[in-house]
Amino acid sequence: MTEITIKTEYIKLQDLLKFAALVSTGGEAKLAVEAGEAAVNGAVCMQRGKKLRAGDVVAFRGKEVAIRNADQ
C-alpha cells in the first residue's frame, strides 16, 4: 500500500489519482472514476469530486493508496 501525505484538509478523488500517478491525465481520471474503477474505503465511488481525508483508503486498478495528513 502506498501512502500519500496531504497538507490540506482534503484532496478530491480525481486529483489523488493524478497526484499518485495512477493515471496520466485528468481526463483519464474522470473516465475511470465514472466507469466505477475506484473504490473508497471498500465501496465503489463514481464521484470525481469525492473529498478524501486522512484515514481514507483508495483502491484503483489493483493498487491501494492511503491518505495521511502532514500533521500526523
PDB file of N, CA and C in Angstrom:
ATOM      1  N   MET A   1       0.850  -1.174   0.000  1.00  0.00           N
ATOM      2  CA  MET A   1       0.000   0.000   0.000  1.00  0.00           C
ATOM      3  C   MET A   1       0.901   1.244   0.000  1.00  0.00           C
ATOM      4  N   THR A   2       0.538   2.190  -0.829  1.00  0.00           N
ATOM      5  CA  THR A   2       1.243   3.463  -0.909  1.00  0.00           C
ATOM      6  C   THR A   2       0.568   4.470   0.007  1.00  0.00           C
ATOM      7  N   GLU A   3       1.349   5.336   0.626  1.00  0.00           N
ATOM      8  CA  GLU A   3       0.787   6.406   1.446  1.00  0.00           C
ATOM      9  C   GLU A   3       1.042   7.738   0.768  1.00  0.00           C
ATOM     10  N   ILE A   4       0.005   8.569   0.719  1.00  0.00           N
ATOM     11  CA  ILE A   4       0.103   9.916   0.169  1.00  0.00           C
ATOM     12  C   ILE A   4      -0.159  10.884   1.315  1.00  0.00           C
ATOM     13  N   THR A   5       0.736  11.824   1.490  1.00  0.00           N
ATOM     14  CA  THR A   5       0.585  12.824   2.544  1.00  0.00           C
ATOM     15  C   THR A   5       0.047  14.114   1.943  1.00  0.00           C
ATOM     16  N   ILE A   6      -1.019  14.628   2.538  1.00  0.00           N
ATOM     17  CA  ILE A   6      -1.592  15.894   2.073  1.00  0.00           C
ATOM     18  C   ILE A   6      -1.413  16.952   3.156  1.00  0.00           C
ATOM     19  N   LYS A   7      -1.298  18.204   2.718  1.00  0.00           N
ATOM     20  CA  LYS A   7      -1.136  19.314   3.657  1.00  0.00           C
ATOM     21  C   LYS A   7      -2.435  20.084   3.832  1.00  0.00           C
ATOM     22  N   THR A   8      -3.449  19.718   3.061  1.00  0.00           N
ATOM     23  CA  THR A   8      -4.741  20.386   3.121  1.00  0.00           C
ATOM     24  C   THR A   8      -5.735  19.503   3.864  1.00  0.00           C
ATOM     25  N   GLU A   9      -6.938  20.004   4.068  1.00  0.00           N
ATOM     26  CA  GLU A   9      -7.965  19.242   4.775  1.00  0.00           C
ATOM     27  C   GLU A   9      -8.388  18.002   3.987  1.00  0.00           C
ATOM     28  N   TYR A  10      -8.432  18.132   2.661  1.00  0.00           N
ATOM     29  CA  TYR A  10      -8.864  17.021   1.808  1.00  0.00           C
ATOM     30  C   TYR A  10      -8.227  17.136   0.428  1.00  0.00           C
ATOM     31  N   ILE A  11      -8.356  16.051  -0.344  1.00  0.00           N
ATOM     32  CA  ILE A  11      -7.966  16.031  -1.741  1.00  0.00           C
ATOM     33  C   ILE A  11      -9.092  15.336  -2.499  1.00  0.00           C
ATOM     34  N   LYS A  12      -9.427  15.827  -3.661  1.00  0.00           N
ATOM     35  CA  LYS A  12     -10.500  15.210  -4.443  1.00  0.00           C
ATOM     36  C   LYS A  12      -9.984  13.928  -5.097  1.00  0.00           C
ATOM     37  N   LEU A  13     -10.892  12.982  -5.268  1.00  0.00           N
ATOM     38  CA  LEU A  13     -10.537  11.677  -5.809  1.00  0.00           C
ATOM     39  C   LEU A  13      -9.792  11.777  -7.131  1.00  0.00           C
ATOM     40  N   GLN A  14     -10.313  12.545  -8.078  1.00  0.00           N
ATOM     41  CA  GLN A  14      -9.644  12.617  -9.379  1.00  0.00           C
ATOM     42  C   GLN A  14      -8.255  13.242  -9.247  1.00  0.00           C
ATOM     43  N   ASP A  15      -8.093  14.180  -8.329  1.00  0.00           N
ATOM     44  CA  ASP A  15      -6.783  14.794  -8.111  1.00  0.00           C
ATOM     45  C   ASP A  15      -5.812  13.809  -7.472  1.00  0.00           C
ATOM     46  N   LEU A  16      -6.307  12.981  -6.573  1.00  0.00           N
ATOM     47  CA  LEU A  16      -5.462  11.966  -5.950  1.00  0.00           C
ATOM     48  C   LEU A  16      -4.941  10.990  -6.995  1.00  0.00           C
ATOM     49  N   LEU A  17      -5.808  10.568  -7.897  1.00  0.00           N
ATOM     50  CA  LEU A  17      -5.377   9.614  -8.924  1.00  0.00           C
ATOM     51  C   LEU A  17      -4.245  10.192  -9.760  1.00  0.00           C
ATOM     52  N   LYS A  18      -4.323  11.473 -10.073  1.00  0.00           N
ATOM     53  CA  LYS A  18      -3.245  12.124 -10.825  1.00  0.00           C
ATOM     54  C   LYS A  18      -2.004  12.288  -9.949  1.00  0.00           C
ATOM     55  N   PHE A  19      -2.178  12.773  -8.716  1.00  0.00           N
ATOM     56  CA  PHE A  19      -1.061  13.026  -7.808  1.00  0.00           C
ATOM     57  C   PHE A  19      -0.277  11.749  -7.509  1.00  0.00           C
ATOM     58  N   ALA A  20      -0.981  10.636  -7.369  1.00  0.00           N
ATOM     59  CA  ALA A  20      -0.347   9.352  -7.067  1.00  0.00           C
ATOM     60  C   ALA A  20       0.167   8.654  -8.325  1.00  0.00           C
ATOM     61  N   ALA A  21       0.031   9.314  -9.473  1.00  0.00           N
ATOM     62  CA  ALA A  21       0.495   8.791 -10.768  1.00  0.00           C
ATOM     63  C   ALA A  21      -0.197   7.475 -11.148  1.00  0.00           C
ATOM     64  N   LEU A  22      -1.457   7.336 -10.764  1.00  0.00           N
ATOM     65  CA  LEU A  22      -2.231   6.161 -11.144  1.00  0.00           C
ATOM     66  C   LEU A  22      -2.880   6.350 -12.509  1.00  0.00           C
ATOM     67  N   VAL A  23      -2.996   7.606 -12.936  1.00  0.00           N
ATOM     68  CA  VAL A  23      -3.475   7.956 -14.274  1.00  0.00           C
ATOM     69  C   VAL A  23      -2.558   9.038 -14.825  1.00  0.00           C
ATOM     70  N   SER A  24      -2.592   9.226 -16.133  1.00  0.00           N
ATOM     71  CA  SER A  24      -1.717  10.215 -16.760  1.00  0.00           C
ATOM     72  C   SER A  24      -2.335  11.603 -16.838  1.00  0.00           C
ATOM     73  N   THR A  25      -3.650  11.642 -17.019  1.00  0.00           N
ATOM     74  CA  THR A  25      -4.319  12.927 -17.230  1.00  0.00           C
ATOM     75  C   THR A  25      -5.594  13.028 -16.403  1.00  0.00           C
ATOM     76  N   GLY A  26      -6.073  14.259 -16.283  1.00  0.00           N
ATOM     77  CA  GLY A  26      -7.345  14.473 -15.606  1.00  0.00           C
ATOM     78  C   GLY A  26      -8.493  13.826 -16.347  1.00  0.00           C
ATOM     79  N   GLY A  27      -8.416  13.824 -17.677  1.00  0.00           N
ATOM     80  CA  GLY A  27      -9.456  13.183 -18.476  1.00  0.00           C
ATOM     81  C   GLY A  27      -9.518  11.687 -18.230  1.00  0.00           C
ATOM     82  N   GLU A  28      -8.356  11.070 -18.095  1.00  0.00           N
ATOM     83  CA  GLU A  28      -8.308   9.634 -17.806  1.00  0.00           C
ATOM     84  C   GLU A  28      -8.893   9.361 -16.422  1.00  0.00           C
ATOM     85  N   ALA A  29      -8.584  10.236 -15.460  1.00  0.00           N
ATOM     86  CA  ALA A  29      -9.133  10.087 -14.106  1.00  0.00           C
ATOM     87  C   ALA A  29     -10.648  10.188 -14.139  1.00  0.00           C
ATOM     88  N   LYS A  30     -11.157  11.170 -14.864  1.00  0.00           N
ATOM     89  CA  LYS A  30     -12.602  11.375 -14.968  1.00  0.00           C
ATOM     90  C   LYS A  30     -13.292  10.127 -15.504  1.00  0.00           C
ATOM     91  N   LEU A  31     -12.790   9.605 -16.600  1.00  0.00           N
ATOM     92  CA  LEU A  31     -13.416   8.430 -17.227  1.00  0.00           C
ATOM     93  C   LEU A  31     -13.333   7.202 -16.322  1.00  0.00           C
ATOM     94  N   ALA A  32     -12.191   7.010 -15.678  1.00  0.00           N
ATOM     95  CA  ALA A  32     -12.011   5.838 -14.819  1.00  0.00           C
ATOM     96  C   ALA A  32     -12.960   5.888 -13.621  1.00  0.00           C
ATOM     97  N   VAL A  33     -13.093   7.050 -13.006  1.00  0.00           N
ATOM     98  CA  VAL A  33     -13.981   7.167 -11.844  1.00  0.00           C
ATOM     99  C   VAL A  33     -15.433   6.983 -12.267  1.00  0.00           C
ATOM    100  N   GLU A  34     -15.819   7.614 -13.367  1.00  0.00           N
ATOM    101  CA  GLU A  34     -17.198   7.481 -13.847  1.00  0.00           C
ATOM    102  C   GLU A  34     -17.521   6.042 -14.260  1.00  0.00           C
ATOM    103  N   ALA A  35     -16.495   5.268 -14.629  1.00  0.00           N
ATOM    104  CA  ALA A  35     -16.695   3.868 -15.003  1.00  0.00           C
ATOM    105  C   ALA A  35     -16.724   2.947 -13.784  1.00  0.00           C
ATOM    106  N   GLY A  36     -16.541   3.513 -12.594  1.00  0.00           N
ATOM    107  CA  GLY A  36     -16.612   2.712 -11.378  1.00  0.00           C
ATOM    108  C   GLY A  36     -15.346   1.948 -11.065  1.00  0.00           C
ATOM    109  N   GLU A  37     -14.203   2.418 -11.555  1.00  0.00           N
ATOM    110  CA  GLU A  37     -12.934   1.710 -11.329  1.00  0.00           C
ATOM    111  C   GLU A  37     -12.297   2.018  -9.981  1.00  0.00           C
ATOM    112  N   ALA A  38     -12.789   3.028  -9.273  1.00  0.00           N
ATOM    113  CA  ALA A  38     -12.189   3.416  -7.993  1.00  0.00           C
ATOM    114  C   ALA A  38     -13.097   3.033  -6.836  1.00  0.00           C
ATOM    115  N   ALA A  39     -12.467   2.626  -5.751  1.00  0.00           N
ATOM    116  CA  ALA A  39     -13.208   2.332  -4.524  1.00  0.00           C
ATOM    117  C   ALA A  39     -12.600   3.137  -3.386  1.00  0.00           C
ATOM    118  N   VAL A  40     -13.449   3.704  -2.551  1.00  0.00           N
ATOM    119  CA  VAL A  40     -13.000   4.467  -1.391  1.00  0.00           C
ATOM    120  C   VAL A  40     -13.478   3.737  -0.146  1.00  0.00           C
ATOM    121  N   ASN A  41     -12.543   3.341   0.670  1.00  0.00           N
ATOM    122  CA  ASN A  41     -12.848   2.607   1.907  1.00  0.00           C
ATOM    123  C   ASN A  41     -13.705   1.374   1.622  1.00  0.00           C
ATOM    124  N   GLY A  42     -13.403   0.692   0.526  1.00  0.00           N
ATOM    125  CA  GLY A  42     -14.075  -0.557   0.193  1.00  0.00           C
ATOM    126  C   GLY A  42     -15.352  -0.441  -0.610  1.00  0.00           C
ATOM    127  N   ALA A  43     -15.823   0.774  -0.871  1.00  0.00           N
ATOM    128  CA  ALA A  43     -17.067   0.968  -1.626  1.00  0.00           C
ATOM    129  C   ALA A  43     -16.763   1.675  -2.949  1.00  0.00           C
ATOM    130  N   VAL A  44     -17.323   1.155  -4.021  1.00  0.00           N
ATOM    131  CA  VAL A  44     -17.133   1.785  -5.327  1.00  0.00           C
ATOM    132  C   VAL A  44     -17.612   3.235  -5.260  1.00  0.00           C
ATOM    133  N   CYS A  45     -16.794   4.124  -5.806  1.00  0.00           N
ATOM    134  CA  CYS A  45     -17.123   5.555  -5.783  1.00  0.00           C
ATOM    135  C   CYS A  45     -17.069   6.095  -7.205  1.00  0.00           C
ATOM    136  N   MET A  46     -18.155   6.694  -7.647  1.00  0.00           N
ATOM    137  CA  MET A  46     -18.222   7.230  -9.005  1.00  0.00           C
ATOM    138  C   MET A  46     -18.292   8.756  -8.995  1.00  0.00           C
ATOM    139  N   GLN A  47     -17.906   9.375  -7.881  1.00  0.00           N
ATOM    140  CA  GLN A  47     -17.904  10.832  -7.747  1.00  0.00           C
ATOM    141  C   GLN A  47     -16.465  11.331  -7.899  1.00  0.00           C
ATOM    142  N   ARG A  48     -16.175  12.012  -9.004  1.00  0.00           N
ATOM    143  CA  ARG A  48     -14.821  12.527  -9.236  1.00  0.00           C
ATOM    144  C   ARG A  48     -14.394  13.484  -8.137  1.00  0.00           C
ATOM    145  N   GLY A  49     -15.335  14.270  -7.653  1.00  0.00           N
ATOM    146  CA  GLY A  49     -15.030  15.292  -6.659  1.00  0.00           C
ATOM    147  C   GLY A  49     -15.122  14.808  -5.225  1.00  0.00           C
ATOM    148  N   LYS A  50     -15.223  13.502  -5.023  1.00  0.00           N
ATOM    149  CA  LYS A  50     -15.304  12.942  -3.669  1.00  0.00           C
ATOM    150  C   LYS A  50     -14.134  13.462  -2.843  1.00  0.00           C
ATOM    151  N   LYS A  51     -14.423  14.055  -1.691  1.00  0.00           N
ATOM    152  CA  LYS A  51     -13.386  14.610  -0.837  1.00  0.00           C
ATOM    153  C   LYS A  51     -12.789  13.496   0.021  1.00  0.00           C
ATOM    154  N   LEU A  52     -11.496  13.296  -0.130  1.00  0.00           N
ATOM    155  CA  LEU A  52     -10.782  12.278   0.631  1.00  0.00           C
ATOM    156  C   LEU A  52     -10.006  12.958   1.743  1.00  0.00           C
ATOM    157  N   ARG A  53     -10.083  12.380   2.911  1.00  0.00           N
ATOM    158  CA  ARG A  53      -9.402  12.946   4.080  1.00  0.00           C
ATOM    159  C   ARG A  53      -8.455  11.907   4.671  1.00  0.00           C
ATOM    160  N   ALA A  54      -7.636  12.346   5.609  1.00  0.00           N
ATOM    161  CA  ALA A  54      -6.706  11.442   6.274  1.00  0.00           C
ATOM    162  C   ALA A  54      -7.454  10.222   6.805  1.00  0.00           C
ATOM    163  N   GLY A  55      -6.888   9.056   6.583  1.00  0.00           N
ATOM    164  CA  GLY A  55      -7.505   7.808   7.022  1.00  0.00           C
ATOM    165  C   GLY A  55      -8.248   7.078   5.922  1.00  0.00           C
ATOM    166  N   ASP A  56      -8.600   7.777   4.843  1.00  0.00           N
ATOM    167  CA  ASP A  56      -9.287   7.133   3.719  1.00  0.00           C
ATOM    168  C   ASP A  56      -8.304   6.282   2.920  1.00  0.00           C
ATOM    169  N   VAL A  57      -8.818   5.204   2.345  1.00  0.00           N
ATOM    170  CA  VAL A  57      -8.009   4.322   1.501  1.00  0.00           C
ATOM    171  C   VAL A  57      -8.715   4.180   0.160  1.00  0.00           C
ATOM    172  N   VAL A  58      -7.955   4.406  -0.914  1.00  0.00           N
ATOM    173  CA  VAL A  58      -8.488   4.305  -2.269  1.00  0.00           C
ATOM    174  C   VAL A  58      -7.882   3.078  -2.942  1.00  0.00           C
ATOM    175  N   ALA A  59      -8.737   2.258  -3.541  1.00  0.00           N
ATOM    176  CA  ALA A  59      -8.291   1.120  -4.336  1.00  0.00           C
ATOM    177  C   ALA A  59      -8.577   1.446  -5.798  1.00  0.00           C
ATOM    178  N   PHE A  60      -7.563   1.239  -6.651  1.00  0.00           N
ATOM    179  CA  PHE A  60      -7.701   1.590  -8.056  1.00  0.00           C
ATOM    180  C   PHE A  60      -6.803   0.701  -8.891  1.00  0.00           C
ATOM    181  N   ARG A  61      -7.409  -0.077  -9.779  1.00  0.00           N
ATOM    182  CA  ARG A  61      -6.668  -0.940 -10.703  1.00  0.00           C
ATOM    183  C   ARG A  61      -5.615  -1.792  -9.994  1.00  0.00           C
ATOM    184  N   GLY A  62      -6.028  -2.411  -8.896  1.00  0.00           N
ATOM    185  CA  GLY A  62      -5.151  -3.327  -8.181  1.00  0.00           C
ATOM    186  C   GLY A  62      -4.155  -2.688  -7.227  1.00  0.00           C
ATOM    187  N   LYS A  63      -4.213  -1.371  -7.074  1.00  0.00           N
ATOM    188  CA  LYS A  63      -3.306  -0.684  -6.163  1.00  0.00           C
ATOM    189  C   LYS A  63      -4.121   0.019  -5.086  1.00  0.00           C
ATOM    190  N   GLU A  64      -3.515   0.178  -3.904  1.00  0.00           N
ATOM    191  CA  GLU A  64      -4.175   0.876  -2.812  1.00  0.00           C
ATOM    192  C   GLU A  64      -3.339   2.065  -2.380  1.00  0.00           C
ATOM    193  N   VAL A  65      -4.035   3.160  -2.087  1.00  0.00           N
ATOM    194  CA  VAL A  65      -3.382   4.383  -1.638  1.00  0.00           C
ATOM    195  C   VAL A  65      -4.073   4.852  -0.361  1.00  0.00           C
ATOM    196  N   ALA A  66      -3.285   5.049   0.689  1.00  0.00           N
ATOM    197  CA  ALA A  66      -3.807   5.547   1.964  1.00  0.00           C
ATOM    198  C   ALA A  66      -3.492   7.033   2.062  1.00  0.00           C
ATOM    199  N   ILE A  67      -4.443   7.799   2.571  1.00  0.00           N
ATOM    200  CA  ILE A  67      -4.282   9.238   2.723  1.00  0.00           C
ATOM    201  C   ILE A  67      -3.817   9.547   4.147  1.00  0.00           C
ATOM    202  N   ARG A  68      -2.774  10.336   4.249  1.00  0.00           N
ATOM    203  CA  ARG A  68      -2.278  10.796   5.543  1.00  0.00           C
ATOM    204  C   ARG A  68      -2.258  12.304   5.547  1.00  0.00           C
ATOM    205  N   ASN A  69      -2.379  12.892   6.710  1.00  0.00           N
ATOM    206  CA  ASN A  69      -2.271  14.335   6.852  1.00  0.00           C
ATOM    207  C   ASN A  69      -0.852  14.647   7.306  1.00  0.00           C
ATOM    208  N   ALA A  70      -0.270  15.701   6.797  1.00  0.00           N
ATOM    209  CA  ALA A  70       1.110  16.078   7.125  1.00  0.00           C
ATOM    210  C   ALA A  70       1.295  16.310   8.616  1.00  0.00           C
ATOM    211  N   ASP A  71       0.247  16.660   9.337  1.00  0.00           N
ATOM    212  CA  ASP A  71       0.329  16.931  10.767  1.00  0.00           C
ATOM    213  C   ASP A  71       0.342  15.678  11.618  1.00  0.00           C
ATOM    214  N   GLN A  72       0.101  14.533  11.034  1.00  0.00           N
ATOM    215  CA  GLN A  72       0.024  13.284  11.812  1.00  0.00           C
ATOM    216  C   GLN A  72       1.395  12.678  12.020  1.00  0.00           C
TER     217      GLN A  72
END
